[in-house]
N, C-alpha and C. Protein backbone atom coordinates (compact mmCIF):
# COMPACT_ATOMS: atom_id res chain seq x y z
N MET A 1 -5.58 65.14 -49.79
CA MET A 1 -6.08 65.21 -51.06
C MET A 1 -5.97 63.94 -51.76
N PRO A 2 -6.92 63.17 -52.43
CA PRO A 2 -6.61 61.84 -52.98
C PRO A 2 -5.46 61.96 -54.12
N SER A 3 -4.92 60.84 -54.36
CA SER A 3 -3.84 61.01 -55.35
C SER A 3 -4.33 61.10 -56.71
N SER A 4 -5.58 60.77 -57.03
CA SER A 4 -6.28 61.02 -58.36
C SER A 4 -6.42 62.41 -58.58
N MET A 5 -6.87 63.28 -57.49
CA MET A 5 -7.01 64.68 -57.64
C MET A 5 -5.63 65.40 -57.79
N ARG A 6 -4.83 64.77 -57.07
CA ARG A 6 -3.45 65.54 -57.27
C ARG A 6 -2.94 65.38 -58.73
N GLY A 7 -3.17 64.34 -59.20
CA GLY A 7 -2.73 64.05 -60.77
C GLY A 7 -3.52 64.94 -61.60
N ALA A 8 -4.89 65.30 -61.58
CA ALA A 8 -5.65 66.03 -61.92
C ALA A 8 -5.30 67.50 -61.96
N HIS A 9 -4.93 67.92 -60.80
CA HIS A 9 -4.37 69.27 -60.48
C HIS A 9 -3.19 69.47 -61.18
N MET A 10 -2.25 68.60 -61.06
CA MET A 10 -0.93 68.58 -61.68
C MET A 10 -1.20 68.89 -63.15
N SER A 11 -1.97 68.06 -63.83
CA SER A 11 -1.95 68.23 -65.26
C SER A 11 -2.89 69.32 -65.79
N ASN A 12 -3.57 70.00 -64.84
CA ASN A 12 -4.12 71.36 -65.16
C ASN A 12 -2.97 72.45 -64.85
N THR A 13 -2.22 72.48 -63.96
CA THR A 13 -1.21 73.29 -63.91
C THR A 13 -0.18 73.24 -64.93
N VAL A 14 0.26 71.99 -65.48
CA VAL A 14 1.14 71.97 -66.59
C VAL A 14 0.53 72.47 -67.88
N PHE A 15 -0.89 72.16 -67.92
CA PHE A 15 -1.59 72.76 -69.18
C PHE A 15 -1.44 74.35 -69.28
N LEU A 16 -1.64 74.85 -68.08
CA LEU A 16 -1.75 76.30 -67.91
C LEU A 16 -0.58 76.80 -68.10
N ILE A 17 0.60 76.33 -67.76
CA ILE A 17 2.06 76.69 -67.96
C ILE A 17 2.34 76.65 -69.37
N LEU A 18 1.94 75.56 -69.98
CA LEU A 18 2.34 75.31 -71.52
C LEU A 18 1.68 76.34 -72.29
N SER A 19 0.20 76.66 -71.68
CA SER A 19 -0.68 77.42 -72.62
C SER A 19 0.01 79.02 -72.45
N ILE A 20 0.56 79.39 -71.44
CA ILE A 20 0.87 80.76 -71.36
C ILE A 20 2.24 80.96 -71.67
N SER A 21 3.21 80.04 -71.80
CA SER A 21 4.47 80.25 -72.08
C SER A 21 4.72 80.71 -73.60
N PRO A 22 3.97 80.45 -74.73
CA PRO A 22 4.16 81.01 -75.95
C PRO A 22 3.87 82.46 -75.87
N LEU A 23 2.95 82.87 -75.29
CA LEU A 23 2.51 84.32 -75.10
C LEU A 23 3.42 85.17 -74.33
N ALA A 24 3.88 84.67 -73.19
CA ALA A 24 5.05 85.22 -72.45
C ALA A 24 6.24 85.57 -73.33
N LEU A 25 6.47 84.59 -74.10
CA LEU A 25 7.85 84.42 -74.91
C LEU A 25 7.75 85.63 -76.09
N ILE A 26 6.61 85.78 -76.46
CA ILE A 26 6.33 86.76 -77.72
C ILE A 26 6.24 88.13 -77.14
N LEU A 27 5.71 88.32 -75.73
CA LEU A 27 5.76 89.49 -75.33
C LEU A 27 7.24 89.91 -74.75
N VAL A 28 8.20 89.00 -74.50
CA VAL A 28 9.61 89.34 -74.11
C VAL A 28 10.28 89.67 -75.41
N ILE A 29 10.00 89.01 -76.56
CA ILE A 29 10.45 89.27 -77.80
C ILE A 29 10.20 90.70 -78.32
N ILE A 30 8.93 91.05 -78.02
CA ILE A 30 8.54 92.43 -78.47
C ILE A 30 9.18 93.51 -77.55
N ALA A 31 9.16 93.14 -76.26
CA ALA A 31 9.90 94.36 -75.40
C ALA A 31 11.18 94.28 -75.87
N ALA A 32 11.99 93.33 -75.97
CA ALA A 32 13.34 93.38 -76.44
C ALA A 32 13.52 94.18 -77.91
N GLN A 33 12.65 93.83 -78.61
CA GLN A 33 12.75 94.88 -79.94
C GLN A 33 12.62 96.08 -79.87
N ARG A 34 11.61 96.58 -78.82
CA ARG A 34 11.32 98.09 -78.62
C ARG A 34 12.65 98.66 -77.93
N ALA A 35 13.22 97.61 -76.87
CA ALA A 35 14.24 98.34 -76.18
C ALA A 35 15.36 98.53 -77.36
N ASN A 36 15.72 97.68 -78.09
CA ASN A 36 16.79 97.74 -79.17
C ASN A 36 16.59 98.93 -80.03
N ALA A 37 15.31 99.26 -80.38
CA ALA A 37 14.87 100.43 -81.29
C ALA A 37 15.23 101.70 -80.28
N VAL A 38 14.97 101.67 -79.25
CA VAL A 38 15.07 103.04 -78.67
C VAL A 38 16.79 102.98 -78.28
N ASP A 39 17.57 102.09 -78.26
CA ASP A 39 18.95 102.11 -78.11
C ASP A 39 19.75 102.25 -79.32
N ASP A 40 19.11 102.19 -80.39
CA ASP A 40 19.65 102.15 -81.81
C ASP A 40 20.03 103.62 -81.96
N ALA A 41 21.16 103.81 -82.69
CA ALA A 41 21.69 105.10 -83.11
C ALA A 41 22.13 104.90 -84.47
N TYR A 42 21.87 106.01 -85.26
CA TYR A 42 22.10 106.20 -86.70
C TYR A 42 22.05 107.73 -87.19
N THR A 43 22.84 107.93 -88.26
CA THR A 43 22.41 109.01 -89.12
C THR A 43 22.35 108.76 -90.43
N GLY A 44 21.59 109.60 -91.16
CA GLY A 44 21.22 109.08 -92.54
C GLY A 44 20.37 110.06 -93.13
N GLU A 45 19.62 109.48 -94.30
CA GLU A 45 18.65 110.23 -95.19
C GLU A 45 17.45 109.65 -95.36
N VAL A 46 16.24 110.19 -95.29
CA VAL A 46 14.95 109.83 -95.54
C VAL A 46 14.80 109.56 -96.92
N THR A 47 14.62 108.38 -97.59
CA THR A 47 14.62 108.10 -98.97
C THR A 47 13.11 107.63 -99.37
N GLU A 48 12.21 107.40 -98.44
CA GLU A 48 10.87 107.07 -98.84
C GLU A 48 10.08 107.22 -97.66
N ARG A 49 8.89 107.53 -97.86
CA ARG A 49 7.76 107.45 -96.57
C ARG A 49 6.52 107.02 -97.11
N TRP A 50 5.74 106.46 -96.33
CA TRP A 50 4.43 106.04 -96.77
C TRP A 50 3.49 105.77 -95.51
N VAL A 51 2.17 105.85 -95.76
CA VAL A 51 1.38 105.50 -94.67
C VAL A 51 0.51 104.28 -95.14
N SER A 52 0.53 103.22 -94.14
CA SER A 52 -0.43 102.15 -94.44
C SER A 52 -1.44 101.99 -93.27
N SER A 53 -2.49 101.40 -93.62
CA SER A 53 -3.68 101.22 -92.78
C SER A 53 -4.26 99.87 -93.02
N SER A 54 -4.78 99.50 -91.91
CA SER A 54 -5.50 98.12 -91.88
C SER A 54 -6.55 98.08 -91.05
N THR A 55 -7.64 97.50 -91.16
CA THR A 55 -8.85 97.37 -90.42
C THR A 55 -8.85 95.98 -89.80
N GLY A 56 -9.05 96.24 -88.50
CA GLY A 56 -9.19 95.03 -87.60
C GLY A 56 -10.39 95.07 -86.75
N THR A 57 -10.38 94.19 -85.52
CA THR A 57 -11.29 94.13 -84.57
C THR A 57 -11.65 95.43 -83.96
N TYR A 58 -10.79 96.39 -83.75
CA TYR A 58 -10.84 97.44 -82.93
C TYR A 58 -10.85 98.75 -83.92
N GLY A 59 -10.97 98.52 -85.38
CA GLY A 59 -11.08 99.66 -86.22
C GLY A 59 -9.90 99.70 -87.03
N THR A 60 -9.67 100.97 -87.40
CA THR A 60 -8.60 101.15 -88.44
C THR A 60 -7.34 101.55 -87.85
N THR A 61 -6.26 100.92 -88.21
CA THR A 61 -5.12 101.07 -87.52
C THR A 61 -4.10 101.77 -88.68
N THR A 62 -3.33 102.94 -88.33
CA THR A 62 -2.65 103.55 -89.29
C THR A 62 -1.12 103.51 -88.89
N ARG A 63 -0.20 103.21 -89.90
CA ARG A 63 1.25 103.01 -89.48
C ARG A 63 1.68 104.25 -90.51
N CYS A 64 2.66 105.04 -89.99
CA CYS A 64 3.55 105.96 -90.58
C CYS A 64 4.66 105.37 -90.72
N MET A 65 5.47 105.01 -91.93
CA MET A 65 6.47 104.48 -92.11
C MET A 65 7.59 105.23 -93.05
N MET A 66 8.90 105.07 -92.52
CA MET A 66 9.91 105.96 -93.37
C MET A 66 11.11 104.87 -93.71
N ARG A 67 11.74 105.02 -94.98
CA ARG A 67 12.85 104.23 -95.23
C ARG A 67 14.18 105.12 -95.02
N ILE A 68 15.00 104.86 -94.19
CA ILE A 68 16.15 105.55 -94.11
C ILE A 68 17.42 104.84 -94.49
N ARG A 69 18.05 105.56 -95.38
CA ARG A 69 19.43 104.94 -95.77
C ARG A 69 20.51 105.52 -94.55
N THR A 70 21.15 104.74 -94.03
CA THR A 70 22.08 105.27 -92.96
C THR A 70 23.38 105.60 -93.68
N ASP A 71 24.31 106.49 -92.96
CA ASP A 71 25.51 106.85 -93.65
C ASP A 71 26.40 105.58 -93.79
N GLN A 72 26.09 104.30 -93.09
CA GLN A 72 26.89 103.26 -93.20
C GLN A 72 26.13 102.28 -94.22
N GLY A 73 25.33 102.78 -94.89
CA GLY A 73 24.75 101.93 -95.95
C GLY A 73 23.56 101.01 -95.75
N ARG A 74 23.13 100.90 -94.31
CA ARG A 74 22.05 99.99 -94.07
C ARG A 74 20.74 100.72 -94.55
N GLU A 75 19.75 100.01 -94.95
CA GLU A 75 18.38 100.61 -95.12
C GLU A 75 17.63 99.92 -94.22
N LEU A 76 16.84 101.08 -93.52
CA LEU A 76 15.97 100.77 -92.41
C LEU A 76 14.62 101.10 -92.63
N ALA A 77 13.46 100.36 -92.38
CA ALA A 77 12.11 100.73 -92.45
C ALA A 77 11.71 100.84 -91.07
N VAL A 78 11.48 102.25 -90.62
CA VAL A 78 11.26 102.77 -89.36
C VAL A 78 10.00 103.31 -89.23
N GLN A 79 8.95 102.71 -88.42
CA GLN A 79 7.80 103.13 -87.99
C GLN A 79 7.74 104.42 -87.07
N VAL A 80 7.08 105.50 -87.50
CA VAL A 80 7.28 106.75 -86.51
C VAL A 80 5.90 107.17 -86.22
N ASP A 81 5.71 108.16 -85.31
CA ASP A 81 4.60 108.69 -85.02
C ASP A 81 4.16 109.77 -86.00
N GLY A 82 2.97 110.19 -86.01
CA GLY A 82 2.33 111.20 -86.95
C GLY A 82 3.27 112.46 -86.95
N ARG A 83 3.42 112.96 -85.73
CA ARG A 83 4.22 114.14 -85.77
C ARG A 83 5.67 114.00 -86.39
N THR A 84 6.38 112.95 -86.13
CA THR A 84 7.74 112.94 -86.83
C THR A 84 7.52 112.69 -88.23
N TYR A 85 6.41 111.86 -88.64
CA TYR A 85 6.26 111.70 -89.95
C TYR A 85 5.88 112.95 -90.68
N GLN A 86 5.11 113.97 -90.23
CA GLN A 86 4.80 115.39 -90.95
C GLN A 86 6.29 116.23 -90.80
N ALA A 87 7.06 116.04 -89.78
CA ALA A 87 8.25 116.99 -89.69
C ALA A 87 9.43 116.52 -90.76
N LEU A 88 9.39 115.40 -91.30
CA LEU A 88 10.34 115.05 -91.93
C LEU A 88 9.96 114.67 -93.39
N ASP A 89 10.72 114.89 -94.47
CA ASP A 89 10.38 114.54 -95.78
C ASP A 89 11.52 113.78 -96.45
N ILE A 90 11.18 113.35 -97.61
CA ILE A 90 12.20 112.67 -98.39
C ILE A 90 13.46 113.55 -98.77
N GLY A 91 14.48 113.24 -98.55
CA GLY A 91 15.99 113.99 -98.67
C GLY A 91 16.42 114.57 -97.48
N ASP A 92 15.58 114.44 -96.47
CA ASP A 92 16.01 115.23 -95.16
C ASP A 92 17.07 114.22 -94.48
N ARG A 93 18.11 115.17 -93.94
CA ARG A 93 19.02 114.40 -93.11
C ARG A 93 18.60 114.12 -91.83
N VAL A 94 18.72 112.99 -91.11
CA VAL A 94 18.11 112.54 -89.88
C VAL A 94 19.20 112.00 -88.86
N VAL A 95 18.89 112.19 -87.78
CA VAL A 95 19.76 111.64 -86.81
C VAL A 95 19.00 110.95 -85.51
N LYS A 96 19.30 109.87 -85.31
CA LYS A 96 18.65 109.06 -84.24
C LYS A 96 19.49 108.86 -83.03
N ALA A 97 19.38 109.38 -81.94
CA ALA A 97 20.24 109.34 -80.90
C ALA A 97 19.77 108.10 -80.00
N PRO A 98 20.86 107.44 -79.22
CA PRO A 98 20.41 106.42 -78.35
C PRO A 98 19.52 106.95 -77.25
N GLY A 99 18.48 106.22 -76.95
CA GLY A 99 17.63 106.63 -75.77
C GLY A 99 16.38 107.28 -76.47
N THR A 100 16.33 107.79 -77.62
CA THR A 100 15.37 108.55 -78.15
C THR A 100 14.40 107.46 -79.12
N ARG A 101 13.26 107.86 -79.08
CA ARG A 101 12.37 106.94 -79.89
C ARG A 101 12.43 107.00 -81.25
N TRP A 102 12.26 108.59 -81.88
CA TRP A 102 12.44 108.71 -83.16
C TRP A 102 13.48 109.40 -83.85
N PRO A 103 13.64 109.41 -84.95
CA PRO A 103 14.82 110.16 -85.55
C PRO A 103 14.22 111.77 -85.62
N VAL A 104 15.12 112.54 -85.71
CA VAL A 104 14.87 113.88 -85.91
C VAL A 104 15.78 114.62 -87.00
N ARG A 105 15.21 115.64 -87.61
CA ARG A 105 16.00 116.36 -88.65
C ARG A 105 17.41 116.77 -88.07
N SER A 106 18.57 116.44 -88.72
CA SER A 106 19.79 116.66 -88.59
C SER A 106 20.19 118.19 -88.63
N GLU A 107 20.73 118.78 -87.69
CA GLU A 107 21.04 120.23 -87.41
C GLU A 107 22.31 120.52 -88.38
């Protein structure tokens, strides 16, 4: 392979790596946040709940949100699935165990 072609091939490879790196980094950050959310554990009370929606390229996206005040005094805004949203109301005591995705009503 002539040296001029090797240089062009090398610059294309570098460009490809530099183009993909930010996307890969973002995906790693999202995965780490989700893993932390599953590992998170707390007990507290639902203080607020709301639904927000946005319209994008693929249609309307709805997010069910809850604000939870933990027994340690932290304020968390937690995105939950529709089933969890319907099951919990303001004033409910909740517990989120490590390894579970959503908080549940405290027994």
